[in-house]
Each structure stands twice: as C-alpha cells, then as structure tokens.
C-alpha cells in the first residue's frame, strides 16, 4: 500500500483570476502558446473543453523530460472557479496509483489567488510526494501571469 497525501499551493495572480479560470476551463489548448517550454500541447480526446466527463491529454516537459497525462475532468464549478482533473494515464501513473489535481481561483482582500491542490497515493510506501511537480505548476502559473502582464 502506498502513501496518501495532499499538497496545496496558493499563488497570487496579478493578471486576473477570471482570466486564469477561463483559460484552463475553456481554452487550455492555448496554454502551450503562452508557455511552450513547459507545456507543448493540450488536446481534446473526448467531450468538450471545460465539461465534466471530458478527457484531455496534456503534453509537457518536466525535469527535462517529455511527458504526457491523459486526464478526466471530474468536476467543474463556474461559480467557485474550480476544475478537478483526475489523471487516468501517463507518466505520473508510474509513481502514483492515484493522482488528482484541482485548481480554484478566489479573491481575498482584493488579491486574486490561484490555488493548486494535488491529492495522490504513491505506488509504494517509499514513494515521494510530487513537490517538484507542484513547483512546476507554480512556475507555469507565474509564466501565464507574466505573459498577460506584458500583453496589457
């Protein structure tokens, strides 16, 4: 049996939380245009972008290696600006029995925060938590912020 864990990071997003939510919910395929050194593509495999039950495939580079993740959109809440992705297949499944990434956008004290939460179970008891992957998500969130700050 593996280790169950949860990692959470909240990042200030100065380019507007609605922008971030809409990008990931309705146009995730455009993320590769913004941060191509990290994300090479997001392809719709089944359903519609942003719709629960849809399957999307992310192609990305993490720790210098080309990787992919086939994800099911398990939940999406427009009001709470939340999307929950369950990884069905891909490089992460070599280390984890289960991996779920959820993000939500909220405004506190006039500051927009993007919060990423990873829920995971490692394949064995000596598995590692996905700390470098969380740092990667923080980095591409800041890349998206910087891209939109330059455009505006």
N, C-alpha and C. Protein backbone atom coordinates (compact mmCIF):
# COMPACT_ATOMS: atom_id res chain seq x y z
N UNK A 1 0.84 -1.18 0.00
CA UNK A 1 0.00 0.00 0.00
C UNK A 1 0.88 1.24 0.00
N UNK A 2 0.48 2.25 -0.76
CA UNK A 2 1.26 3.48 -0.87
C UNK A 2 0.85 4.53 0.14
N UNK A 3 1.55 5.62 0.07
CA UNK A 3 1.27 6.76 0.95
C UNK A 3 0.24 7.67 0.30
N UNK A 4 -0.73 8.08 1.11
CA UNK A 4 -1.73 9.04 0.65
C UNK A 4 -1.25 10.42 1.07
N UNK A 5 -1.45 11.40 0.21
CA UNK A 5 -1.03 12.73 0.58
C UNK A 5 -1.79 13.80 -0.16
N UNK A 6 -1.56 15.02 0.29
CA UNK A 6 -2.17 16.19 -0.32
C UNK A 6 -1.16 17.33 -0.24
N UNK A 7 -0.95 17.99 -1.35
CA UNK A 7 -0.10 19.18 -1.42
C UNK A 7 -0.95 20.34 -1.93
N UNK A 8 -0.74 21.51 -1.33
CA UNK A 8 -1.52 22.69 -1.72
C UNK A 8 -0.58 23.88 -1.85
N UNK A 9 -0.79 24.66 -2.91
CA UNK A 9 -0.05 25.91 -3.08
C UNK A 9 -1.00 26.97 -3.61
N UNK A 10 -0.97 28.13 -2.98
CA UNK A 10 -1.76 29.28 -3.44
C UNK A 10 -0.79 30.33 -3.95
N UNK A 11 -1.06 30.84 -5.13
CA UNK A 11 -0.18 31.79 -5.79
C UNK A 11 -0.96 33.04 -6.15
N UNK A 12 -0.42 34.20 -5.79
CA UNK A 12 -1.05 35.45 -6.20
C UNK A 12 -0.97 35.54 -7.72
N UNK A 13 -2.08 35.97 -8.34
CA UNK A 13 -2.14 36.05 -9.79
C UNK A 13 -2.62 37.45 -10.17
N UNK A 14 -1.69 38.30 -10.56
CA UNK A 14 -1.98 39.71 -10.79
C UNK A 14 -2.66 40.01 -12.13
N UNK A 15 -2.74 39.03 -13.01
CA UNK A 15 -3.35 39.26 -14.32
C UNK A 15 -4.86 39.03 -14.32
N UNK A 16 -5.43 38.69 -13.17
CA UNK A 16 -6.88 38.49 -13.08
C UNK A 16 -7.27 37.03 -12.99
N UNK A 17 -7.88 36.67 -11.87
CA UNK A 17 -8.26 35.28 -11.64
C UNK A 17 -9.26 34.74 -12.64
N UNK A 18 -10.18 35.61 -13.10
CA UNK A 18 -11.15 35.16 -14.10
C UNK A 18 -10.44 34.71 -15.36
N UNK A 19 -9.41 35.45 -15.76
CA UNK A 19 -8.63 35.10 -16.95
C UNK A 19 -8.04 33.70 -16.80
N UNK A 20 -7.46 33.41 -15.66
CA UNK A 20 -6.82 32.11 -15.42
C UNK A 20 -7.86 30.99 -15.48
N UNK A 21 -8.96 31.20 -14.80
CA UNK A 21 -10.02 30.19 -14.79
C UNK A 21 -10.54 29.93 -16.19
N UNK A 22 -10.84 30.98 -16.92
CA UNK A 22 -11.37 30.82 -18.28
C UNK A 22 -10.37 30.15 -19.20
N UNK A 23 -9.10 30.48 -19.04
CA UNK A 23 -8.07 29.85 -19.85
C UNK A 23 -8.05 28.34 -19.63
N UNK A 24 -8.00 27.90 -18.39
CA UNK A 24 -7.92 26.47 -18.11
C UNK A 24 -9.25 25.75 -18.32
N UNK A 25 -10.34 26.44 -18.15
CA UNK A 25 -11.63 25.77 -18.32
C UNK A 25 -12.01 25.65 -19.79
N UNK A 26 -11.89 26.73 -20.53
CA UNK A 26 -12.43 26.75 -21.89
C UNK A 26 -11.38 26.75 -23.01
N UNK A 27 -10.16 27.14 -22.70
CA UNK A 27 -9.12 27.23 -23.74
C UNK A 27 -7.78 26.68 -23.28
N UNK A 28 -7.74 25.52 -22.65
CA UNK A 28 -6.45 25.02 -22.16
C UNK A 28 -5.45 24.75 -23.29
N UNK A 29 -5.96 24.56 -24.49
CA UNK A 29 -5.07 24.35 -25.63
C UNK A 29 -4.21 25.59 -25.91
N UNK A 30 -4.60 26.76 -25.42
CA UNK A 30 -3.81 27.98 -25.63
C UNK A 30 -2.66 28.13 -24.63
N UNK A 31 -2.66 27.30 -23.58
CA UNK A 31 -1.59 27.38 -22.59
C UNK A 31 -0.23 27.08 -23.23
N UNK A 32 -0.21 26.17 -24.19
CA UNK A 32 1.05 25.83 -24.87
C UNK A 32 1.61 27.03 -25.65
N UNK A 33 0.75 27.92 -26.14
CA UNK A 33 1.22 29.12 -26.84
C UNK A 33 1.87 30.09 -25.87
N UNK A 34 1.42 30.08 -24.62
CA UNK A 34 1.91 31.02 -23.61
C UNK A 34 3.20 30.53 -22.97
N UNK A 35 3.30 29.24 -22.72
CA UNK A 35 4.46 28.68 -22.03
C UNK A 35 4.95 27.41 -22.72
N UNK A 36 5.40 27.54 -23.99
CA UNK A 36 5.75 26.36 -24.79
C UNK A 36 6.95 25.56 -24.26
N UNK A 37 7.80 26.19 -23.45
CA UNK A 37 8.94 25.44 -22.92
C UNK A 37 8.48 24.46 -21.82
N UNK A 38 7.31 24.69 -21.26
CA UNK A 38 6.78 23.80 -20.21
C UNK A 38 5.65 22.91 -20.74
N UNK A 39 4.75 23.51 -21.49
CA UNK A 39 3.59 22.77 -21.98
C UNK A 39 3.59 22.82 -23.51
N UNK A 40 3.63 21.65 -24.13
CA UNK A 40 3.71 21.58 -25.59
C UNK A 40 2.34 21.41 -26.23
N UNK A 41 1.35 20.99 -25.47
CA UNK A 41 0.04 20.85 -26.07
C UNK A 41 -1.00 20.35 -25.09
N UNK A 42 -2.24 20.63 -25.44
CA UNK A 42 -3.39 20.15 -24.70
C UNK A 42 -4.43 19.79 -25.76
N UNK A 43 -4.69 18.51 -25.90
CA UNK A 43 -5.59 18.04 -26.94
C UNK A 43 -6.86 17.47 -26.34
N UNK A 44 -7.96 17.81 -26.94
CA UNK A 44 -9.25 17.26 -26.52
C UNK A 44 -9.37 15.86 -27.11
N UNK A 45 -9.55 14.87 -26.25
CA UNK A 45 -9.67 13.48 -26.69
C UNK A 45 -11.14 13.07 -26.79
N UNK A 46 -11.94 13.59 -25.86
CA UNK A 46 -13.35 13.21 -25.81
C UNK A 46 -14.13 14.31 -25.09
N UNK A 47 -15.30 14.67 -25.61
CA UNK A 47 -16.15 15.66 -24.96
C UNK A 47 -15.85 17.08 -25.42
N UNK A 48 -15.95 18.04 -24.49
CA UNK A 48 -15.70 19.45 -24.76
C UNK A 48 -14.80 20.01 -23.67
N UNK A 49 -13.93 20.95 -24.05
CA UNK A 49 -13.11 21.61 -23.04
C UNK A 49 -14.02 22.20 -21.97
N UNK A 50 -13.66 21.96 -20.72
CA UNK A 50 -14.38 22.53 -19.60
C UNK A 50 -15.59 21.77 -19.14
N UNK A 51 -15.97 20.72 -19.83
CA UNK A 51 -17.16 19.96 -19.47
C UNK A 51 -16.79 18.72 -18.65
N UNK A 52 -17.54 18.49 -17.59
CA UNK A 52 -17.33 17.30 -16.77
C UNK A 52 -17.51 16.06 -17.63
N UNK A 53 -16.62 15.10 -17.45
CA UNK A 53 -16.64 13.86 -18.22
C UNK A 53 -15.74 13.90 -19.45
N UNK A 54 -15.24 15.07 -19.79
CA UNK A 54 -14.36 15.19 -20.95
C UNK A 54 -12.97 14.68 -20.61
N UNK A 55 -12.28 14.24 -21.64
CA UNK A 55 -10.92 13.74 -21.47
C UNK A 55 -9.98 14.58 -22.32
N UNK A 56 -8.93 15.08 -21.68
CA UNK A 56 -7.94 15.88 -22.38
C UNK A 56 -6.55 15.28 -22.13
N UNK A 57 -5.68 15.50 -23.09
CA UNK A 57 -4.32 14.98 -22.99
C UNK A 57 -3.36 16.16 -22.98
N UNK A 58 -2.57 16.25 -21.90
CA UNK A 58 -1.55 17.28 -21.78
C UNK A 58 -0.21 16.69 -22.19
N UNK A 59 0.54 17.42 -23.00
CA UNK A 59 1.93 17.08 -23.33
C UNK A 59 2.79 18.18 -22.75
N UNK A 60 3.77 17.79 -21.93
CA UNK A 60 4.54 18.78 -21.19
C UNK A 60 5.97 18.28 -20.96
N UNK A 61 6.82 19.20 -20.55
CA UNK A 61 8.19 18.87 -20.19
C UNK A 61 8.37 19.19 -18.71
N UNK A 62 8.79 18.17 -17.96
CA UNK A 62 9.02 18.34 -16.53
C UNK A 62 10.34 17.66 -16.19
N UNK A 63 11.19 18.40 -15.50
CA UNK A 63 12.52 17.92 -15.12
C UNK A 63 13.32 17.46 -16.36
N UNK A 64 13.15 18.23 -17.45
CA UNK A 64 13.90 17.98 -18.67
C UNK A 64 13.42 16.81 -19.51
N UNK A 65 12.28 16.21 -19.16
CA UNK A 65 11.77 15.04 -19.89
C UNK A 65 10.39 15.33 -20.47
N UNK A 66 10.18 14.87 -21.70
CA UNK A 66 8.87 14.99 -22.33
C UNK A 66 7.92 13.99 -21.66
N UNK A 67 6.74 14.47 -21.28
CA UNK A 67 5.77 13.63 -20.58
C UNK A 67 4.36 13.89 -21.11
N UNK A 68 3.43 13.04 -20.69
CA UNK A 68 2.03 13.28 -21.04
C UNK A 68 1.15 12.82 -19.88
N UNK A 69 -0.06 13.37 -19.87
CA UNK A 69 -1.07 12.97 -18.90
C UNK A 69 -2.43 12.99 -19.58
N UNK A 70 -3.11 11.88 -19.51
CA UNK A 70 -4.49 11.78 -20.01
C UNK A 70 -5.39 11.99 -18.81
N UNK A 71 -6.18 13.08 -18.83
CA UNK A 71 -6.97 13.49 -17.68
C UNK A 71 -8.46 13.48 -17.97
N UNK A 72 -9.21 13.11 -16.94
CA UNK A 72 -10.65 13.21 -16.95
C UNK A 72 -11.03 14.45 -16.14
N UNK A 73 -11.90 15.28 -16.70
CA UNK A 73 -12.42 16.41 -15.92
C UNK A 73 -13.51 15.83 -15.02
N UNK A 74 -13.18 15.68 -13.74
CA UNK A 74 -14.11 15.09 -12.77
C UNK A 74 -15.14 16.08 -12.27
N UNK A 75 -14.75 17.33 -12.15
CA UNK A 75 -15.66 18.35 -11.63
C UNK A 75 -15.27 19.71 -12.20
N UNK A 76 -16.26 20.55 -12.36
CA UNK A 76 -16.04 21.94 -12.79
C UNK A 76 -17.16 22.77 -12.20
N UNK A 77 -16.78 23.84 -11.54
CA UNK A 77 -17.76 24.71 -10.90
C UNK A 77 -17.46 26.15 -11.31
N UNK A 78 -18.34 26.69 -12.12
CA UNK A 78 -18.15 28.04 -12.63
C UNK A 78 -18.19 29.08 -11.52
N UNK A 79 -19.11 28.92 -10.59
CA UNK A 79 -19.28 29.88 -9.51
C UNK A 79 -18.05 29.91 -8.59
N UNK A 80 -17.53 28.73 -8.26
CA UNK A 80 -16.36 28.65 -7.38
C UNK A 80 -15.05 28.71 -8.16
N UNK A 81 -15.15 28.76 -9.49
CA UNK A 81 -13.98 28.81 -10.38
C UNK A 81 -13.02 27.67 -10.06
N UNK A 82 -13.58 26.45 -10.10
CA UNK A 82 -12.83 25.25 -9.75
C UNK A 82 -12.89 24.23 -10.88
N UNK A 83 -11.77 23.55 -11.10
CA UNK A 83 -11.73 22.42 -12.03
C UNK A 83 -10.91 21.32 -11.36
N UNK A 84 -11.41 20.10 -11.47
CA UNK A 84 -10.74 18.94 -10.88
C UNK A 84 -10.41 17.95 -11.99
N UNK A 85 -9.12 17.64 -12.12
CA UNK A 85 -8.63 16.70 -13.12
C UNK A 85 -8.16 15.43 -12.44
N UNK A 86 -8.60 14.29 -12.93
CA UNK A 86 -8.09 13.00 -12.46
C UNK A 86 -7.21 12.42 -13.55
N UNK A 87 -5.97 12.09 -13.21
CA UNK A 87 -5.06 11.51 -14.19
C UNK A 87 -5.45 10.04 -14.40
N UNK A 88 -5.70 9.69 -15.64
CA UNK A 88 -6.09 8.33 -15.99
C UNK A 88 -4.91 7.51 -16.50
N UNK A 89 -3.98 8.21 -17.16
CA UNK A 89 -2.87 7.52 -17.82
C UNK A 89 -1.75 8.52 -18.01
N UNK A 90 -0.53 8.04 -18.05
CA UNK A 90 0.60 8.91 -18.32
C UNK A 90 1.76 8.65 -17.38
N UNK A 91 2.76 9.49 -17.50
CA UNK A 91 4.00 9.32 -16.75
C UNK A 91 3.78 9.34 -15.23
N UNK A 92 2.86 10.15 -14.75
CA UNK A 92 2.60 10.21 -13.31
C UNK A 92 2.13 8.88 -12.75
N UNK A 93 1.47 8.08 -13.57
CA UNK A 93 0.92 6.83 -13.09
C UNK A 93 2.01 5.76 -12.87
N UNK A 94 3.24 6.06 -13.29
CA UNK A 94 4.35 5.16 -12.97
C UNK A 94 4.68 5.24 -11.48
N UNK A 95 4.49 6.42 -10.87
CA UNK A 95 4.81 6.62 -9.46
C UNK A 95 3.60 6.63 -8.54
N UNK A 96 2.42 6.93 -9.11
CA UNK A 96 1.23 7.11 -8.29
C UNK A 96 0.11 6.19 -8.74
N UNK A 97 -0.58 5.59 -7.77
CA UNK A 97 -1.78 4.80 -8.06
C UNK A 97 -2.93 5.72 -8.42
N UNK A 98 -2.94 6.86 -7.74
CA UNK A 98 -3.99 7.85 -7.96
C UNK A 98 -3.37 9.24 -7.90
N UNK A 99 -3.84 10.09 -8.82
CA UNK A 99 -3.36 11.47 -8.83
C UNK A 99 -4.48 12.37 -9.31
N UNK A 100 -4.85 13.34 -8.48
CA UNK A 100 -5.90 14.30 -8.81
C UNK A 100 -5.34 15.70 -8.60
N UNK A 101 -5.51 16.55 -9.60
CA UNK A 101 -5.08 17.95 -9.50
C UNK A 101 -6.33 18.83 -9.59
N UNK A 102 -6.49 19.69 -8.61
CA UNK A 102 -7.62 20.60 -8.58
C UNK A 102 -7.09 22.03 -8.49
N UNK A 103 -7.70 22.93 -9.24
CA UNK A 103 -7.34 24.33 -9.04
C UNK A 103 -8.62 25.12 -8.81
N UNK A 104 -8.47 26.17 -8.06
CA UNK A 104 -9.56 27.12 -7.95
C UNK A 104 -8.97 28.52 -7.81
N UNK A 105 -9.81 29.46 -8.19
CA UNK A 105 -9.42 30.87 -8.14
C UNK A 105 -10.34 31.56 -7.16
N UNK A 106 -9.76 32.34 -6.28
CA UNK A 106 -10.55 33.11 -5.33
C UNK A 106 -9.91 34.47 -5.13
N UNK A 107 -10.72 35.40 -4.66
CA UNK A 107 -10.23 36.74 -4.38
C UNK A 107 -10.34 36.98 -2.88
N UNK A 108 -9.22 37.35 -2.28
CA UNK A 108 -9.18 37.66 -0.85
C UNK A 108 -8.54 39.02 -0.68
N UNK A 109 -9.26 39.93 -0.08
CA UNK A 109 -8.71 41.27 0.16
C UNK A 109 -8.28 41.96 -1.12
N UNK A 110 -9.01 41.72 -2.21
CA UNK A 110 -8.67 42.35 -3.49
C UNK A 110 -7.54 41.67 -4.24
N UNK A 111 -7.05 40.56 -3.72
CA UNK A 111 -5.95 39.83 -4.36
C UNK A 111 -6.49 38.52 -4.92
N UNK A 112 -6.24 38.27 -6.21
CA UNK A 112 -6.64 37.00 -6.82
C UNK A 112 -5.59 35.95 -6.50
N UNK A 113 -6.07 34.79 -6.04
CA UNK A 113 -5.19 33.67 -5.74
C UNK A 113 -5.58 32.48 -6.60
N UNK A 114 -4.59 31.84 -7.18
CA UNK A 114 -4.77 30.56 -7.87
C UNK A 114 -4.24 29.50 -6.92
N UNK A 115 -5.09 28.57 -6.54
CA UNK A 115 -4.69 27.51 -5.62
C UNK A 115 -4.73 26.17 -6.34
N UNK A 116 -3.61 25.49 -6.34
CA UNK A 116 -3.50 24.14 -6.89
C UNK A 116 -3.43 23.17 -5.72
N UNK A 117 -4.21 22.10 -5.80
CA UNK A 117 -4.21 21.05 -4.78
C UNK A 117 -3.99 19.72 -5.48
N UNK A 118 -2.99 18.98 -5.01
CA UNK A 118 -2.73 17.63 -5.53
C UNK A 118 -3.13 16.62 -4.47
N UNK A 119 -3.97 15.69 -4.83
CA UNK A 119 -4.28 14.54 -4.00
C UNK A 119 -3.63 13.34 -4.67
N UNK A 120 -2.93 12.52 -3.90
CA UNK A 120 -2.20 11.43 -4.53
C UNK A 120 -2.06 10.23 -3.59
N UNK A 121 -1.80 9.09 -4.21
CA UNK A 121 -1.40 7.89 -3.49
C UNK A 121 -0.23 7.30 -4.25
N UNK A 122 0.88 7.11 -3.56
CA UNK A 122 2.07 6.54 -4.19
C UNK A 122 1.86 5.05 -4.41
N UNK A 123 2.64 4.48 -5.31
CA UNK A 123 2.53 3.05 -5.60
C UNK A 123 3.10 2.19 -4.47
N UNK A 124 4.01 2.77 -3.70
CA UNK A 124 4.58 2.01 -2.58
C UNK A 124 4.89 2.96 -1.42
N UNK A 125 5.22 2.38 -0.28
CA UNK A 125 5.41 3.17 0.94
C UNK A 125 6.59 4.14 0.89
N UNK A 126 7.55 3.88 0.02
CA UNK A 126 8.70 4.79 -0.04
C UNK A 126 8.60 5.78 -1.20
N UNK A 127 7.40 5.93 -1.75
CA UNK A 127 7.19 6.89 -2.83
C UNK A 127 7.34 8.33 -2.33
N UNK A 128 7.65 9.21 -3.26
CA UNK A 128 7.89 10.63 -2.94
C UNK A 128 6.66 11.47 -3.24
N UNK A 129 6.42 12.48 -2.43
CA UNK A 129 5.35 13.42 -2.77
C UNK A 129 5.76 14.25 -3.99
N UNK A 130 4.80 14.71 -4.78
CA UNK A 130 5.09 15.42 -6.03
C UNK A 130 5.45 16.90 -5.82
N UNK A 131 6.44 17.15 -5.00
CA UNK A 131 6.82 18.53 -4.67
C UNK A 131 7.37 19.26 -5.90
N UNK A 132 8.22 18.60 -6.69
CA UNK A 132 8.77 19.28 -7.86
C UNK A 132 7.68 19.58 -8.89
N UNK A 133 6.67 18.73 -8.96
CA UNK A 133 5.56 18.98 -9.88
C UNK A 133 4.74 20.18 -9.40
N UNK A 134 4.55 20.32 -8.11
CA UNK A 134 3.84 21.48 -7.58
C UNK A 134 4.62 22.77 -7.87
N UNK A 135 5.93 22.71 -7.73
CA UNK A 135 6.77 23.87 -8.07
C UNK A 135 6.64 24.20 -9.56
N UNK A 136 6.55 23.18 -10.39
CA UNK A 136 6.35 23.34 -11.84
C UNK A 136 5.02 24.05 -12.11
N UNK A 137 3.94 23.65 -11.43
CA UNK A 137 2.63 24.29 -11.61
C UNK A 137 2.68 25.75 -11.18
N UNK A 138 3.38 26.04 -10.09
CA UNK A 138 3.55 27.42 -9.65
C UNK A 138 4.29 28.21 -10.72
N UNK A 139 5.35 27.63 -11.27
CA UNK A 139 6.15 28.32 -12.29
C UNK A 139 5.33 28.62 -13.54
N UNK A 140 4.54 27.65 -14.04
CA UNK A 140 3.78 27.98 -15.25
C UNK A 140 2.64 28.93 -14.96
N UNK A 141 2.13 28.94 -13.72
CA UNK A 141 1.12 29.93 -13.35
C UNK A 141 1.72 31.33 -13.42
N UNK A 142 2.94 31.48 -12.91
CA UNK A 142 3.64 32.77 -12.98
C UNK A 142 3.98 33.14 -14.43
N UNK A 143 4.32 32.15 -15.25
CA UNK A 143 4.57 32.41 -16.68
C UNK A 143 3.32 32.96 -17.36
N UNK A 144 2.17 32.39 -17.04
CA UNK A 144 0.92 32.87 -17.62
C UNK A 144 0.63 34.29 -17.13
N UNK A 145 0.85 34.54 -15.87
CA UNK A 145 0.68 35.89 -15.32
C UNK A 145 1.59 36.89 -16.05
N UNK A 146 2.85 36.55 -16.19
CA UNK A 146 3.81 37.44 -16.85
C UNK A 146 3.44 37.68 -18.31
N UNK A 147 2.98 36.66 -18.99
CA UNK A 147 2.56 36.78 -20.40
C UNK A 147 1.43 37.80 -20.53
N UNK A 148 0.46 37.71 -19.65
CA UNK A 148 -0.69 38.61 -19.73
C UNK A 148 -0.35 40.00 -19.22
N UNK A 149 0.58 40.10 -18.32
CA UNK A 149 1.02 41.43 -17.84
C UNK A 149 1.73 42.19 -18.97
N UNK A 150 2.50 41.47 -19.78
CA UNK A 150 3.21 42.06 -20.91
C UNK A 150 2.22 42.49 -21.98
N UNK A 151 1.19 41.68 -22.22
CA UNK A 151 0.18 41.99 -23.25
C UNK A 151 -0.64 43.23 -22.88
N UNK A 152 -0.90 43.41 -21.60
CA UNK A 152 -1.79 44.52 -21.18
C UNK A 152 -1.08 45.82 -21.04
